Amino acid sequence: MDVHSEFLKRFLQHESDLKAFIGSLVRDPHARDDLFQDVALVLWEKYSSYDPARSFGAWARGIAGKRIMQRWEREGRVPLPFSPRSIEAIADAYERTASSAFDRAGALELCLERLPRRSRHLLTLRYEESLTLNEIAVRLGGTLDAVHKALSRIRSRLQECVQKRLASQWSM
C-alpha cells in the first residue's frame, strides 16, 4: 500500500473521532470546520514522522490540541478556555474511552460468532431488519412470549460473554 493510501485509510477510520474531539473544545461551527481542515492538512504533511506503533487517533488528537492552542493564542483569547494540561487530559480521557469501546466491540463480535445460528438469526431479525417482537413471532411461527424470552436469554449470554472476555484481557 502506498503512503497516500495508507494515510487516507487511517485518517478516514479516525475522522469522526477527530471531529468530535475538536468539537468538544471549539464551539463555533465555522472555527471547528476550519480547524479540522487545518489539522487534516498538518496530519498529511507530518505523516512521514508518524510512528505506526502509536495510535493514529492519539497522534491526530495531539496535533489537533496543539493547533487549537495556537489558534487561541493567535486570536488573543485571554484567558484561554482550556489550559494545555486540560486539553491533554481530555485527549487522554478520549483515548481511554475510545480504546475501551474498541475492546468492547471486538469482544461482542467474537461472542456473536460463537452464538448458535438460530440465536444469530433472531438477533438479525430484531436488530438488522428492525422487526418487532410480534413480527418475529409471526415470521417464525412462535409466540410473542417465546421470542421475548429467547432474546432476553441471548442478550444476557452476550453480556456475560463480553464481560468475561474483557476481564480476561485485563488480567493478561
Protein backbone atom coordinates (compact mmCIF):
# COMPACT_ATOMS: atom_id res chain seq x y z
CA MET A 1 0.00 0.00 0.00
CA ASP A 2 1.44 3.40 -0.92
CA VAL A 3 1.83 6.21 1.63
CA HIS A 4 -1.13 8.16 0.29
CA SER A 5 -3.49 5.17 0.56
CA GLU A 6 -2.14 4.25 3.99
CA PHE A 7 -2.69 7.80 5.31
CA LEU A 8 -6.16 8.01 3.79
CA LYS A 9 -7.20 4.68 5.33
CA ARG A 10 -6.05 5.70 8.81
CA PHE A 11 -7.46 9.21 8.51
CA LEU A 12 -10.90 8.01 7.41
CA GLN A 13 -11.01 5.50 10.27
CA HIS A 14 -10.47 8.32 12.77
CA GLU A 15 -12.19 11.22 11.01
CA SER A 16 -15.39 11.27 13.10
CA ASP A 17 -13.44 10.84 16.35
CA LEU A 18 -11.15 13.73 15.41
CA LYS A 19 -14.14 15.93 14.55
CA ALA A 20 -15.73 15.04 17.89
CA PHE A 21 -12.52 15.87 19.76
CA ILE A 22 -12.20 19.26 18.06
CA GLY A 23 -15.92 19.88 18.62
CA SER A 24 -15.53 19.20 22.33
CA LEU A 25 -13.06 22.09 22.58
CA VAL A 26 -14.31 24.55 19.93
CA ARG A 27 -17.92 25.65 20.00
CA ASP A 28 -18.07 27.87 16.89
CA PRO A 29 -19.06 25.62 13.95
CA HIS A 30 -17.09 27.64 11.38
CA ALA A 31 -13.96 27.66 13.54
CA ARG A 32 -14.45 23.92 14.12
CA ASP A 33 -14.57 23.23 10.38
CA ASP A 34 -11.55 25.46 9.71
CA LEU A 35 -9.57 23.75 12.45
CA PHE A 36 -10.50 20.31 11.19
CA GLN A 37 -9.28 21.17 7.69
CA ASP A 38 -6.11 22.72 9.11
CA VAL A 39 -5.44 19.64 11.25
CA ALA A 40 -6.09 17.31 8.29
CA LEU A 41 -3.51 19.21 6.24
CA VAL A 42 -0.95 19.13 9.07
CA LEU A 43 -1.53 15.39 9.55
CA TRP A 44 -0.87 14.81 5.86
CA GLU A 45 2.25 17.00 5.90
CA LYS A 46 3.63 15.31 9.03
CA TYR A 47 2.56 11.76 8.18
CA SER A 48 6.14 10.77 7.34
CA SER A 49 7.01 11.39 11.02
CA TYR A 50 4.07 9.30 12.32
CA ASP A 51 5.16 6.20 14.24
CA PRO A 52 2.83 3.31 13.27
CA ALA A 53 3.48 1.70 16.67
CA ARG A 54 1.43 4.55 18.20
CA SER A 55 -2.30 5.07 17.93
CA PHE A 56 -3.09 7.22 14.88
CA GLY A 57 -6.07 8.69 16.74
CA ALA A 58 -3.95 9.74 19.71
CA TRP A 59 -1.33 11.24 17.40
CA ALA A 60 -4.00 13.16 15.45
CA ARG A 61 -5.67 14.45 18.64
CA GLY A 62 -2.29 15.60 19.96
CA ILE A 63 -1.72 17.64 16.82
CA ALA A 64 -5.30 18.94 16.95
CA GLY A 65 -4.83 20.05 20.57
CA LYS A 66 -1.68 21.98 19.64
CA ARG A 67 -3.39 23.64 16.67
CA ILE A 68 -6.33 24.64 18.86
CA MET A 69 -3.99 26.20 21.43
CA GLN A 70 -2.08 28.05 18.68
CA ARG A 71 -5.31 29.41 17.27
CA TRP A 72 -6.49 30.65 20.67
CA GLU A 73 -3.13 32.33 21.27
CA ARG A 74 -3.18 33.92 17.78
CA GLU A 75 -6.71 35.23 18.39
CA GLY A 76 -5.59 36.65 21.72
CA ARG A 77 -8.14 34.76 23.79
CA VAL A 78 -7.25 35.57 27.35
CA PRO A 79 -7.77 33.69 29.49
CA LEU A 80 -7.56 30.60 27.34
CA PRO A 81 -10.74 28.50 27.50
CA PHE A 82 -8.65 25.42 28.40
CA SER A 83 -5.09 25.08 29.59
CA PRO A 84 -2.68 22.83 27.68
CA ARG A 85 -2.89 20.34 30.58
CA SER A 86 -6.69 20.34 30.33
CA ILE A 87 -6.56 19.63 26.60
CA GLU A 88 -4.06 16.83 27.26
CA ALA A 89 -6.34 15.39 29.95
CA ILE A 90 -9.32 15.50 27.57
CA ALA A 91 -7.24 13.77 24.87
CA ASP A 92 -6.11 11.10 27.35
CA ALA A 93 -9.67 10.51 28.55
CA TYR A 94 -10.82 10.30 24.95
CA GLU A 95 -8.14 7.70 24.16
CA ARG A 96 -9.16 5.55 27.14
CA THR A 97 -12.83 5.76 26.17
CA ALA A 98 -12.17 5.03 22.51
CA SER A 99 -9.94 2.03 23.24
CA SER A 100 -12.49 0.73 25.75
CA ALA A 101 -15.26 0.98 23.15
CA PHE A 102 -13.00 -0.72 20.60
CA ASP A 103 -12.28 -3.54 23.08
CA ARG A 104 -15.99 -3.98 23.83
CA ALA A 105 -16.89 -4.03 20.12
CA GLY A 106 -14.22 -6.65 19.43
CA ALA A 107 -15.37 -8.79 22.34
CA LEU A 108 -19.00 -8.52 21.23
CA GLU A 109 -18.07 -9.56 17.69
CA LEU A 110 -16.32 -12.68 18.98
CA CYS A 111 -19.22 -13.52 21.27
CA LEU A 112 -21.72 -13.10 18.42
CA GLU A 113 -19.73 -15.51 16.27
CA ARG A 114 -19.98 -18.15 18.99
CA LEU A 115 -23.75 -17.98 19.26
CA PRO A 116 -25.80 -20.77 17.69
CA ARG A 117 -27.11 -19.99 14.20
CA ARG A 118 -30.72 -19.71 15.45
CA SER A 119 -29.73 -17.12 18.06
CA ARG A 120 -27.84 -15.06 15.48
CA HIS A 121 -30.89 -15.27 13.21
CA LEU A 122 -33.14 -13.91 15.96
CA LEU A 123 -30.73 -11.01 16.53
CA THR A 124 -30.64 -10.31 12.79
CA LEU A 125 -34.43 -10.16 12.62
CA ARG A 126 -34.63 -7.85 15.61
CA TYR A 127 -31.68 -5.51 15.12
CA GLU A 128 -30.77 -5.60 11.44
CA GLU A 129 -34.24 -5.97 9.98
CA SER A 130 -35.79 -3.94 12.85
CA LEU A 131 -38.75 -6.28 13.21
CA THR A 132 -40.95 -6.01 16.27
CA LEU A 133 -41.17 -8.97 18.63
CA ASN A 134 -44.65 -9.70 17.32
CA GLU A 135 -43.44 -9.66 13.70
CA ILE A 136 -40.64 -12.07 14.62
CA ALA A 137 -43.11 -14.39 16.35
CA VAL A 138 -45.35 -14.42 13.28
CA ARG A 139 -42.42 -14.99 10.91
CA LEU A 140 -41.03 -17.86 13.00
CA GLY A 141 -44.40 -19.33 13.91
CA GLY A 142 -43.82 -18.87 17.63
CA THR A 143 -45.37 -16.89 20.44
CA LEU A 144 -44.56 -13.35 21.46
CA ASP A 145 -43.57 -14.58 24.91
CA ALA A 146 -41.17 -17.19 23.48
CA VAL A 147 -39.46 -14.58 21.27
CA HIS A 148 -39.16 -12.17 24.18
CA LYS A 149 -37.63 -14.82 26.45
CA ALA A 150 -35.24 -16.05 23.74
CA LEU A 151 -33.95 -12.54 23.02
CA SER A 152 -33.58 -11.83 26.73
CA ARG A 153 -31.51 -15.02 27.18
CA ILE A 154 -29.36 -14.19 24.14
CA ARG A 155 -28.68 -10.65 25.38
CA SER A 156 -27.78 -11.98 28.84
CA ARG A 157 -25.45 -14.55 27.28
CA LEU A 158 -23.79 -11.88 25.17
CA GLN A 159 -23.37 -9.54 28.12
CA GLU A 160 -21.80 -12.31 30.21
CA CYS A 161 -19.51 -13.36 27.34
CA VAL A 162 -18.34 -9.77 26.72
CA GLN A 163 -17.67 -9.22 30.42
CA LYS A 164 -15.64 -12.43 30.62
CA ARG A 165 -13.63 -11.52 27.52
CA LEU A 166 -12.89 -8.02 28.80
CA ALA A 167 -11.94 -9.36 32.23
CA SER A 168 -9.57 -11.87 30.66
CA GLN A 169 -7.95 -9.07 28.60
CA TRP A 170 -7.29 -7.01 31.70
CA SER A 171 -5.85 -9.95 33.64
CA MET A 172 -3.20 -10.63 30.97
